[in-house]
Amino acid sequence: MDIASAFYSATAGLQRADQEMQRNAETVARVTAGTEENEDLNTALVESTQNETLARASVNTVQSVDEAEQTLGRNLDTEA
């Protein structure tokens, strides 16, 4: 996988995690306020944990991409 592809995949993962966390937060708010009875609070909480894991993995990928770009830049500077 090339560096740009990894970066774009990681940013897409962060965006997805953010959107899903917002959806989960809305579900929890509706259930705890008593306005929504059909929502499954446990599912929302479990999905929140899954989305946290996705966000952390995406951040780690972005950090790895940054490190790879720095290493590549140093190698190019050394050869020049």
C-alpha atoms as a PDB file:
ATOM      1  CA  MET A   1       0.000   0.000   0.000  1.00  0.00           C
ATOM      2  CA  ASP A   2       1.458   3.364  -0.914  1.00  0.00           C
ATOM      3  CA  ILE A   3       1.716   6.230   1.568  1.00  0.00           C
ATOM      4  CA  ALA A   4      -1.059   8.354   0.063  1.00  0.00           C
ATOM      5  CA  SER A   5      -3.486   5.439   0.008  1.00  0.00           C
ATOM      6  CA  ALA A   6      -2.769   4.645   3.666  1.00  0.00           C
ATOM      7  CA  PHE A   7      -3.290   8.291   4.611  1.00  0.00           C
ATOM      8  CA  TYR A   8      -6.617   8.538   2.766  1.00  0.00           C
ATOM      9  CA  SER A   9      -7.820   5.272   4.298  1.00  0.00           C
ATOM     10  CA  ALA A  10      -6.921   6.548   7.754  1.00  0.00           C
ATOM     11  CA  THR A  11      -8.719   9.853   7.264  1.00  0.00           C
ATOM     12  CA  ALA A  12     -11.785   8.018   5.967  1.00  0.00           C
ATOM     13  CA  GLY A  13     -11.656   5.837   9.078  1.00  0.00           C
ATOM     14  CA  LEU A  14     -11.515   8.911  11.308  1.00  0.00           C
ATOM     15  CA  GLN A  15     -14.472  10.486   9.525  1.00  0.00           C
ATOM     16  CA  ARG A  16     -16.505   7.303   9.808  1.00  0.00           C
ATOM     17  CA  ALA A  17     -15.674   6.902  13.490  1.00  0.00           C
ATOM     18  CA  ASP A  18     -16.694  10.511  14.136  1.00  0.00           C
ATOM     19  CA  GLN A  19     -20.010  10.149  12.307  1.00  0.00           C
ATOM     20  CA  GLU A  20     -20.851   6.883  14.037  1.00  0.00           C
ATOM     21  CA  MET A  21     -19.893   8.243  17.471  1.00  0.00           C
ATOM     22  CA  GLN A  22     -22.245  11.165  16.918  1.00  0.00           C
ATOM     23  CA  ARG A  23     -25.018   8.742  15.980  1.00  0.00           C
ATOM     24  CA  ASN A  24     -24.300   6.628  19.067  1.00  0.00           C
ATOM     25  CA  ALA A  25     -24.334   9.713  21.301  1.00  0.00           C
ATOM     26  CA  GLU A  26     -27.710  10.737  19.902  1.00  0.00           C
ATOM     27  CA  THR A  27     -29.070   7.254  20.592  1.00  0.00           C
ATOM     28  CA  VAL A  28     -27.805   7.303  24.175  1.00  0.00           C
ATOM     29  CA  ALA A  29     -29.285  10.778  24.697  1.00  0.00           C
ATOM     30  CA  ARG A  30     -32.696   9.737  23.359  1.00  0.00           C
ATOM     31  CA  VAL A  31     -32.807   6.553  25.422  1.00  0.00           C
ATOM     32  CA  THR A  32     -31.696   8.196  28.663  1.00  0.00           C
ATOM     33  CA  ALA A  33     -34.135  11.076  28.135  1.00  0.00           C
ATOM     34  CA  GLY A  34     -36.929   8.562  27.721  1.00  0.00           C
ATOM     35  CA  THR A  35     -38.000   9.899  24.323  1.00  0.00           C
ATOM     36  CA  GLU A  36     -37.030   6.742  22.470  1.00  0.00           C
ATOM     37  CA  GLU A  37     -37.870   3.257  23.670  1.00  0.00           C
ATOM     38  CA  ASN A  38     -37.028   1.232  20.581  1.00  0.00           C
ATOM     39  CA  GLU A  39     -33.379   2.163  20.617  1.00  0.00           C
ATOM     40  CA  ASP A  40     -30.959  -0.332  22.099  1.00  0.00           C
ATOM     41  CA  LEU A  41     -28.726   1.409  24.614  1.00  0.00           C
ATOM     42  CA  ASN A  42     -26.349  -1.545  24.918  1.00  0.00           C
ATOM     43  CA  THR A  43     -25.825  -1.663  21.168  1.00  0.00           C
ATOM     44  CA  ALA A  44     -25.056   2.059  21.070  1.00  0.00           C
ATOM     45  CA  LEU A  45     -22.522   1.717  23.884  1.00  0.00           C
ATOM     46  CA  VAL A  46     -20.796  -1.277  22.282  1.00  0.00           C
ATOM     47  CA  GLU A  47     -20.676   0.493  18.919  1.00  0.00           C
ATOM     48  CA  SER A  48     -19.139   3.518  20.658  1.00  0.00           C
ATOM     49  CA  THR A  49     -16.313   1.321  21.897  1.00  0.00           C
ATOM     50  CA  GLN A  50     -15.842  -0.128  18.421  1.00  0.00           C
ATOM     51  CA  ASN A  51     -15.736   3.357  16.928  1.00  0.00           C
ATOM     52  CA  GLU A  52     -13.178   4.450  19.508  1.00  0.00           C
ATOM     53  CA  THR A  53     -11.006   1.526  18.414  1.00  0.00           C
ATOM     54  CA  LEU A  54     -11.441   2.529  14.755  1.00  0.00           C
ATOM     55  CA  ALA A  55     -10.447   6.105  15.565  1.00  0.00           C
ATOM     56  CA  ARG A  56      -7.352   4.989  17.506  1.00  0.00           C
ATOM     57  CA  ALA A  57      -6.282   2.678  14.678  1.00  0.00           C
ATOM     58  CA  SER A  58      -6.753   5.479  12.164  1.00  0.00           C
ATOM     59  CA  VAL A  59      -4.688   7.887  14.267  1.00  0.00           C
ATOM     60  CA  ASN A  60      -1.933   5.265  14.553  1.00  0.00           C
ATOM     61  CA  THR A  61      -1.974   4.859  10.784  1.00  0.00           C
ATOM     62  CA  VAL A  62      -1.674   8.626  10.242  1.00  0.00           C
ATOM     63  CA  GLN A  63       1.280   8.693  12.665  1.00  0.00           C
ATOM     64  CA  SER A  64       2.933   5.806  10.811  1.00  0.00           C
ATOM     65  CA  VAL A  65       2.433   7.559   7.488  1.00  0.00           C
ATOM     66  CA  ASP A  66       3.992  10.716   8.936  1.00  0.00           C
ATOM     67  CA  GLU A  67       6.987   8.740  10.208  1.00  0.00           C
ATOM     68  CA  ALA A  68       7.378   7.016   6.830  1.00  0.00           C
ATOM     69  CA  GLU A  69       7.314  10.362   5.023  1.00  0.00           C
ATOM     70  CA  GLN A  70       9.931  11.784   7.392  1.00  0.00           C
ATOM     71  CA  THR A  71      12.145   8.754   6.880  1.00  0.00           C
ATOM     72  CA  LEU A  72      11.754   8.992   3.124  1.00  0.00           C
ATOM     73  CA  GLY A  73      12.609  12.695   3.252  1.00  0.00           C
ATOM     74  CA  ARG A  74      15.747  12.031   5.309  1.00  0.00           C
ATOM     75  CA  ASN A  75      16.827   9.303   2.894  1.00  0.00           C
ATOM     76  CA  LEU A  76      16.362  11.630  -0.063  1.00  0.00           C
ATOM     77  CA  ASP A  77      18.315  14.402   1.704  1.00  0.00           C
ATOM     78  CA  THR A  78      21.138  11.969   2.449  1.00  0.00           C
ATOM     79  CA  GLU A  79      21.399  10.841  -1.166  1.00  0.00           C
ATOM     80  CA  ALA A  80      21.273  14.384  -2.557  1.00  0.00           C
END
